[in-house]
Amino acid sequence: MTPAPLLGTAFHTVGAASAALCYSPQRFLHKWAWQTYWLVQAAFCWLILPWVFAWFCIPDLAAVIAAAPTDAMIQSYLYGALYGVGGIAFGVSIRHIGFSLTYAIAIGVSCVGGTFIGPILAGNLSALLHQSGFSFVLSGVFIGAIAMLFTGLAGFRKEKELGAGDYTIKTFNARLGIPICLLAGVLSAVYNLAITAGAPIAALATEHGAGDFAFTGNYLFSNPGAFTTTLLYAGWLSFKNRTTAQFFATEDRRGLLRNYLLAALTGLLWYLQFFFYGLGHDRMGKLGFSSWAIHMIILILLSCAFGVAIGEWKKCRVSTKRLITFAVTLLVVAVGFITYGNKIATPAPAETPAATSGH
């Protein structure tokens, strides 16, 4: 595929927007416990939709699966399962340090770790150091990570000023929450390895004519791996809290179909994040490993922007508004650096004889 970093960034932006909006349907649920909703949306995102999209995008999917290397399927699945553990740790850390700090720290760690762990394990990081444009990408990644910490601090201050944060509950415990949050960030970064492990499957999809959508083969085993750990955790919570009956009926026998539709919408929005990630990644060129960073940074950027747009920051102190404005500015700068670095690394298209002769 011809590298097109600007188009790749645009696709990453669409995917990040989908991820930033995916939990919006949750506010309209009717008498469903968190674990009920979480398990249903995970079934759509991690188990059903990867195969539905692959079936539409990959000609002769059965032949691709039959020829897929066993080690690629197993590794992709196991990395996906670890990513699922990271998602659980993310949810637990929110209970102890609040949503804003958890989001900023975990995504920040995932941004840096998920970007460089692949090249380090592949042993080609030293070669990338000499690649033109790498210094811009490196700067953009770390500027983005720092900006995420500022967004977390601003969000924490917002929660405190508005009196609506998890820090107000008795379970707030930074000593416990921050280590769990760091674990969530590290394990979330593993998902990038799950995608890499599935590359041979995507290559087979290309051979069978999948074209630009061959990347959907990457998610066939990584996403079910994530669903496995989600099923174990959310299923355990359902039995523990005796909410399994909610899958069949709500307390007042109303709104069950709407709940399933809302959960399905959440799962679709969450999966579309990965769909557009694949479209963007394949167009980033020689420094395509930076896709993970630019995706994470844009996700935080759009989450903040949506919050500002709906007035979440309106009643905050001026200093807090300035802090979030500074953080968003840094995020924009980070996206610009990474995109520019990829553009530098992309070779210019060769001129045709007609163009060089002036005809």
Protein backbone atom coordinates (compact mmCIF):
# COMPACT_ATOMS: atom_id res chain seq x y z
CA MET A 1 0.00 0.00 0.00
CA THR A 2 1.31 3.45 -0.89
CA PRO A 3 2.16 5.35 2.34
CA ALA A 4 -0.10 8.34 2.99
CA PRO A 5 0.54 9.60 6.56
CA LEU A 6 -1.99 12.44 6.39
CA LEU A 7 -4.73 10.06 5.29
CA GLY A 8 -3.55 7.60 7.94
CA THR A 9 -3.88 10.25 10.63
CA ALA A 10 -7.38 11.05 9.36
CA PHE A 11 -8.39 7.40 9.71
CA HIS A 12 -6.87 7.29 13.20
CA THR A 13 -8.92 10.36 14.07
CA VAL A 14 -12.16 8.67 12.99
CA GLY A 15 -11.28 5.58 15.01
CA ALA A 16 -10.34 7.62 18.08
CA ALA A 17 -13.60 9.57 17.82
CA SER A 18 -15.51 6.31 17.78
CA ALA A 19 -13.66 5.15 20.90
CA ALA A 20 -14.21 8.48 22.65
CA LEU A 21 -17.97 8.20 22.10
CA CYS A 22 -18.42 4.47 22.65
CA TYR A 23 -19.54 4.66 26.28
CA SER A 24 -22.14 7.37 25.66
CA PRO A 25 -24.97 4.81 25.24
CA GLN A 26 -24.35 3.61 28.80
CA ARG A 27 -26.16 6.60 30.28
CA PHE A 28 -29.44 5.46 28.70
CA LEU A 29 -29.46 1.94 30.15
CA HIS A 30 -32.49 0.83 32.13
CA LYS A 31 -31.95 -1.18 35.34
CA TRP A 32 -28.87 -3.08 34.24
CA ALA A 33 -25.85 -3.64 36.46
CA TRP A 34 -22.45 -2.61 35.11
CA GLN A 35 -21.28 -6.21 34.67
CA THR A 36 -24.39 -7.12 32.66
CA TYR A 37 -23.87 -4.24 30.27
CA TRP A 38 -20.12 -4.79 30.11
CA LEU A 39 -20.40 -8.45 29.23
CA VAL A 40 -22.99 -7.88 26.48
CA GLN A 41 -21.07 -5.03 24.82
CA ALA A 42 -17.86 -7.08 25.08
CA ALA A 43 -19.57 -10.00 23.35
CA PHE A 44 -20.33 -7.73 20.39
CA CYS A 45 -16.96 -5.96 20.29
CA TRP A 46 -14.61 -8.82 21.08
CA LEU A 47 -16.43 -11.93 19.93
CA ILE A 48 -19.06 -11.25 17.26
CA LEU A 49 -18.05 -8.20 15.23
CA PRO A 50 -14.44 -9.25 14.44
CA TRP A 51 -15.78 -12.31 12.63
CA VAL A 52 -18.67 -10.45 11.01
CA PHE A 53 -16.37 -7.78 9.57
CA ALA A 54 -13.78 -10.37 8.51
CA TRP A 55 -16.47 -12.40 6.75
CA PHE A 56 -17.47 -9.37 4.68
CA CYS A 57 -13.90 -8.11 4.11
CA ILE A 58 -11.91 -11.29 3.45
CA PRO A 59 -12.84 -13.45 0.43
CA ASP A 60 -12.76 -17.19 1.28
CA LEU A 61 -12.30 -16.59 5.00
CA ALA A 62 -12.49 -20.31 5.70
CA ALA A 63 -9.43 -20.96 3.51
CA VAL A 64 -7.52 -18.19 5.31
CA ILE A 65 -8.28 -19.71 8.72
CA ALA A 66 -7.37 -23.20 7.51
CA ALA A 67 -3.97 -21.98 6.32
CA ALA A 68 -3.26 -19.66 9.28
CA PRO A 69 -0.17 -20.62 11.34
CA THR A 70 -1.14 -22.13 14.68
CA ASP A 71 1.47 -20.13 16.61
CA ALA A 72 0.11 -16.86 15.17
CA MET A 73 -3.41 -17.72 16.29
CA ILE A 74 -2.30 -18.79 19.77
CA GLN A 75 0.01 -15.81 20.36
CA SER A 76 -2.60 -13.35 19.15
CA TYR A 77 -5.19 -14.93 21.44
CA LEU A 78 -2.92 -14.94 24.51
CA TYR A 79 -1.81 -11.32 24.00
CA GLY A 80 -5.47 -10.40 23.62
CA ALA A 81 -6.24 -12.15 26.91
CA LEU A 82 -3.54 -10.11 28.65
CA TYR A 83 -5.06 -6.97 27.16
CA GLY A 84 -8.36 -8.05 28.70
CA VAL A 85 -6.67 -8.26 32.10
CA GLY A 86 -5.48 -4.70 31.53
CA GLY A 87 -9.07 -3.63 30.95
CA ILE A 88 -10.10 -5.19 34.25
CA ALA A 89 -7.23 -3.45 36.06
CA PHE A 90 -8.34 -0.20 34.45
CA GLY A 91 -11.82 -0.57 35.92
CA VAL A 92 -10.48 -1.45 39.37
CA SER A 93 -8.08 1.52 39.44
CA ILE A 94 -10.97 3.92 38.74
CA ARG A 95 -12.46 2.93 42.09
CA HIS A 96 -9.28 4.04 43.88
CA ILE A 97 -8.00 7.12 42.03
CA GLY A 98 -10.93 8.28 39.89
CA PHE A 99 -11.64 8.23 36.16
CA SER A 100 -9.52 11.21 35.07
CA LEU A 101 -6.27 10.09 36.66
CA THR A 102 -6.79 6.47 35.64
CA TYR A 103 -7.52 7.46 32.05
CA ALA A 104 -4.51 9.77 31.78
CA ILE A 105 -1.96 7.53 33.48
CA ALA A 106 -3.05 4.25 31.91
CA ILE A 107 -3.36 5.65 28.39
CA GLY A 108 -0.08 7.55 28.80
CA VAL A 109 1.79 4.37 29.77
CA SER A 110 0.03 2.46 27.00
CA CYS A 111 0.94 5.18 24.52
CA VAL A 112 4.68 4.92 25.18
CA GLY A 113 4.85 1.20 25.90
CA GLY A 114 2.62 0.11 23.05
CA THR A 115 4.59 2.23 20.60
CA PHE A 116 8.10 0.98 21.39
CA ILE A 117 7.62 -2.52 22.78
CA GLY A 118 7.09 -3.92 19.29
CA PRO A 119 10.29 -2.51 17.73
CA ILE A 120 12.26 -3.48 20.87
CA LEU A 121 11.10 -7.10 20.79
CA ALA A 122 11.63 -7.24 17.02
CA GLY A 123 15.19 -5.96 17.49
CA ASN A 124 14.88 -3.16 14.92
CA LEU A 125 14.70 -0.14 17.23
CA SER A 126 18.37 0.71 16.59
CA ALA A 127 17.70 0.80 12.84
CA LEU A 128 14.72 3.08 13.39
CA LEU A 129 16.90 5.52 15.33
CA HIS A 130 18.64 6.40 12.07
CA GLN A 131 15.43 6.64 10.06
CA SER A 132 14.58 10.12 8.85
CA GLY A 133 11.65 11.53 10.77
CA PHE A 134 12.17 9.29 13.81
CA SER A 135 13.21 12.18 16.05
CA PHE A 136 9.89 13.94 15.34
CA VAL A 137 7.94 10.77 16.10
CA LEU A 138 9.89 10.22 19.32
CA SER A 139 9.29 13.82 20.40
CA GLY A 140 5.61 13.57 19.56
CA VAL A 141 5.15 10.39 21.60
CA PHE A 142 6.70 11.85 24.74
CA ILE A 143 5.00 15.23 24.34
CA GLY A 144 1.72 13.33 24.05
CA ALA A 145 2.46 11.28 27.18
CA ILE A 146 3.25 14.43 29.17
CA ALA A 147 0.12 16.11 27.85
CA MET A 148 -1.94 13.13 29.04
CA LEU A 149 -0.65 13.63 32.57
CA PHE A 150 -1.75 17.26 32.39
CA THR A 151 -5.20 16.20 31.19
CA GLY A 152 -5.42 13.80 34.12
CA LEU A 153 -4.45 16.53 36.59
CA ALA A 154 -6.94 18.93 35.03
CA GLY A 155 -9.67 16.31 35.13
CA PHE A 156 -8.95 15.52 38.76
CA ARG A 157 -9.16 19.21 39.64
CA LYS A 158 -12.42 19.48 37.71
CA GLU A 159 -13.92 16.59 39.65
CA LYS A 160 -12.82 18.13 42.93
CA GLU A 161 -14.13 21.60 42.08
CA LEU A 162 -17.48 20.26 40.86
CA GLY A 163 -17.77 17.75 43.69
CA ALA A 164 -18.32 14.85 41.33
CA GLY A 165 -15.32 12.59 41.44
CA ASP A 166 -14.47 9.12 42.69
CA TYR A 167 -11.92 10.76 44.98
CA THR A 168 -14.84 11.61 47.28
CA ILE A 169 -15.56 7.97 48.16
CA LYS A 170 -13.93 6.07 50.97
CA THR A 171 -12.15 3.67 48.62
CA PHE A 172 -9.86 6.43 47.26
CA ASN A 173 -6.34 5.09 47.73
CA ALA A 174 -3.52 6.41 45.56
CA ARG A 175 -1.00 3.88 46.90
CA LEU A 176 -3.17 1.04 45.70
CA GLY A 177 -4.79 2.70 42.69
CA ILE A 178 -1.68 4.03 40.93
CA PRO A 179 0.18 0.68 40.79
CA ILE A 180 -2.97 -1.01 39.46
CA CYS A 181 -3.35 1.83 36.96
CA LEU A 182 0.25 1.38 35.79
CA LEU A 183 -0.42 -2.34 35.36
CA ALA A 184 -3.49 -1.47 33.29
CA GLY A 185 -1.38 0.76 31.05
CA VAL A 186 1.31 -1.87 30.53
CA LEU A 187 -1.16 -4.64 29.73
CA SER A 188 -3.20 -2.37 27.47
CA ALA A 189 -0.04 -1.77 25.47
CA VAL A 190 0.16 -5.54 24.90
CA TYR A 191 -2.74 -5.28 22.47
CA ASN A 192 -0.34 -3.82 19.93
CA LEU A 193 1.62 -7.09 20.23
CA ALA A 194 -1.60 -9.03 19.68
CA ILE A 195 -2.10 -7.18 16.40
CA THR A 196 1.50 -7.83 15.37
CA ALA A 197 1.16 -11.53 16.23
CA GLY A 198 -1.83 -11.73 13.90
CA ALA A 199 0.13 -10.29 10.96
CA PRO A 200 0.58 -13.69 9.24
CA ILE A 201 -3.20 -14.07 9.18
CA ALA A 202 -3.55 -10.64 7.61
CA ALA A 203 -0.90 -11.60 5.05
CA LEU A 204 -2.95 -14.65 4.08
CA ALA A 205 -6.02 -12.43 3.81
CA THR A 206 -4.07 -10.25 1.36
CA GLU A 207 -3.22 -13.32 -0.73
CA HIS A 208 -6.92 -14.13 -0.89
CA GLY A 209 -7.84 -10.69 -2.19
CA ALA A 210 -8.80 -8.79 0.97
CA GLY A 211 -6.87 -5.74 -0.25
CA ASP A 212 -7.07 -2.71 2.04
CA PHE A 213 -9.14 -4.69 4.56
CA ALA A 214 -6.71 -7.55 5.15
CA PHE A 215 -5.98 -6.11 8.61
CA THR A 216 -9.35 -7.42 9.83
CA GLY A 217 -7.61 -10.79 10.06
CA ASN A 218 -5.53 -9.39 12.92
CA TYR A 219 -8.56 -9.23 15.20
CA LEU A 220 -9.94 -12.73 14.69
CA PHE A 221 -8.11 -14.20 17.67
CA SER A 222 -6.83 -11.20 19.63
CA ASN A 223 -10.33 -9.89 20.34
CA PRO A 224 -11.75 -13.25 21.48
CA GLY A 225 -8.74 -13.46 23.81
CA ALA A 226 -9.80 -10.18 25.39
CA PHE A 227 -13.36 -11.45 25.61
CA THR A 228 -12.24 -14.53 27.53
CA THR A 229 -10.85 -12.54 30.45
CA THR A 230 -13.81 -10.18 30.33
CA LEU A 231 -16.18 -13.15 30.45
CA LEU A 232 -14.42 -14.58 33.48
CA TYR A 233 -14.43 -11.29 35.40
CA ALA A 234 -17.85 -9.94 34.46
CA GLY A 235 -19.36 -13.41 34.74
CA TRP A 236 -17.94 -13.80 38.24
CA LEU A 237 -19.39 -10.42 39.23
CA SER A 238 -22.77 -11.46 37.83
CA PHE A 239 -22.86 -14.60 39.97
CA LYS A 240 -21.44 -12.80 43.00
CA ASN A 241 -23.98 -9.97 42.83
CA ARG A 242 -26.80 -12.23 41.62
CA THR A 243 -27.49 -10.20 38.50
CA THR A 244 -27.47 -13.02 35.92
CA ALA A 245 -31.27 -12.78 35.61
CA GLN A 246 -30.83 -9.33 34.06
CA PHE A 247 -29.74 -10.97 30.81
CA PHE A 248 -33.32 -12.23 30.41
CA ALA A 249 -35.43 -9.54 32.08
CA THR A 250 -35.10 -6.27 33.97
CA GLU A 251 -36.65 -5.78 37.40
CA ASP A 252 -39.71 -4.04 35.99
CA ARG A 253 -39.84 -6.13 32.81
CA ARG A 254 -39.18 -3.08 30.67
CA GLY A 255 -36.36 -1.85 28.44
CA LEU A 256 -34.55 -5.16 27.88
CA LEU A 257 -34.42 -4.86 24.08
CA ARG A 258 -33.27 -1.24 24.36
CA ASN A 259 -30.49 -2.29 26.72
CA TYR A 260 -29.26 -4.91 24.27
CA LEU A 261 -29.35 -2.40 21.41
CA LEU A 262 -27.42 0.16 23.46
CA ALA A 263 -24.83 -2.45 24.44
CA ALA A 264 -24.56 -3.52 20.79
CA LEU A 265 -24.01 0.12 19.79
CA THR A 266 -21.26 0.42 22.39
CA GLY A 267 -19.61 -2.71 21.04
CA LEU A 268 -19.87 -1.46 17.45
CA LEU A 269 -18.34 1.93 18.30
CA TRP A 270 -15.56 0.21 20.23
CA TYR A 271 -14.83 -2.18 17.36
CA LEU A 272 -14.85 0.62 14.78
CA GLN A 273 -11.95 2.08 16.72
CA PHE A 274 -9.85 -0.93 15.68
CA PHE A 275 -11.29 -1.00 12.17
CA PHE A 276 -10.18 2.55 11.44
CA TYR A 277 -6.95 1.95 13.34
CA GLY A 278 -6.14 -0.76 10.80
CA LEU A 279 -6.94 1.55 7.89
CA GLY A 280 -4.72 4.24 9.40
CA HIS A 281 -1.85 1.99 10.41
CA ASP A 282 -1.40 0.55 6.92
CA ARG A 283 -0.92 4.06 5.54
CA MET A 284 1.62 5.45 8.01
CA GLY A 285 4.64 4.14 6.09
CA LYS A 286 8.08 3.17 7.44
CA LEU A 287 7.32 4.51 10.92
CA GLY A 288 3.97 2.76 11.13
CA PHE A 289 4.80 1.55 14.65
CA SER A 290 3.86 5.08 15.76
CA SER A 291 0.21 4.34 14.90
CA TRP A 292 -0.45 3.19 18.46
CA ALA A 293 0.82 6.48 19.90
CA ILE A 294 -1.03 8.75 17.51
CA HIS A 295 -4.23 6.78 18.05
CA MET A 296 -3.97 7.05 21.85
CA ILE A 297 -3.11 10.75 21.73
CA ILE A 298 -6.00 11.60 19.43
CA LEU A 299 -8.31 9.54 21.66
CA ILE A 300 -7.42 11.67 24.68
CA LEU A 301 -7.57 14.84 22.59
CA LEU A 302 -11.07 14.14 21.32
CA SER A 303 -12.28 12.99 24.74
CA CYS A 304 -11.22 16.35 26.16
CA ALA A 305 -12.71 18.21 23.21
CA PHE A 306 -16.06 16.44 23.57
CA GLY A 307 -16.06 17.29 27.27
CA VAL A 308 -15.48 20.95 26.52
CA ALA A 309 -18.14 20.91 23.80
CA ILE A 310 -20.85 19.63 26.15
CA GLY A 311 -19.92 22.10 28.88
CA GLU A 312 -18.20 19.80 31.39
CA TRP A 313 -15.53 22.42 32.11
CA LYS A 314 -17.79 25.46 32.11
CA LYS A 315 -18.05 25.84 35.89
CA CYS A 316 -14.40 25.11 36.65
CA ARG A 317 -11.93 27.66 37.93
CA VAL A 318 -10.04 29.74 35.40
CA SER A 319 -6.75 28.06 36.36
CA THR A 320 -8.26 24.63 35.64
CA LYS A 321 -9.58 25.81 32.27
CA ARG A 322 -6.13 27.12 31.41
CA LEU A 323 -4.58 23.81 32.42
CA ILE A 324 -6.86 21.75 30.16
CA THR A 325 -6.32 24.26 27.34
CA PHE A 326 -2.56 23.87 27.73
CA ALA A 327 -2.89 20.07 27.78
CA VAL A 328 -5.05 20.03 24.63
CA THR A 329 -2.56 22.32 22.88
CA LEU A 330 0.25 19.89 23.72
CA LEU A 331 -1.83 16.99 22.38
CA VAL A 332 -2.33 18.82 19.08
CA VAL A 333 1.40 19.52 18.89
CA ALA A 334 2.13 15.83 19.58
CA VAL A 335 -0.16 14.71 16.74
CA GLY A 336 1.53 17.21 14.44
CA PHE A 337 5.01 15.97 15.33
CA ILE A 338 4.17 12.30 14.79
CA THR A 339 2.37 12.95 11.50
CA TYR A 340 5.20 15.15 10.24
CA GLY A 341 7.77 12.53 11.22
CA ASN A 342 5.90 9.91 9.22
CA LYS A 343 5.63 12.29 6.30
CA ILE A 344 9.40 12.87 6.30
CA ALA A 345 10.01 9.13 6.39
CA THR A 346 7.70 8.58 3.41
CA PRO A 347 9.64 8.63 0.14
CA ALA A 348 8.35 11.02 -2.49
CA PRO A 349 6.65 9.29 -5.45
CA ALA A 350 8.95 8.79 -8.39
CA GLU A 351 8.47 11.27 -11.17
CA THR A 352 7.24 9.94 -14.48
CA PRO A 353 9.31 10.50 -17.64
CA ALA A 354 6.64 12.85 -18.93
CA ALA A 355 6.89 14.96 -15.80
CA THR A 356 10.69 15.17 -15.92
CA SER A 357 10.77 16.07 -19.61
CA GLY A 358 8.27 18.85 -19.21
CA HIS A 359 5.60 17.25 -21.45
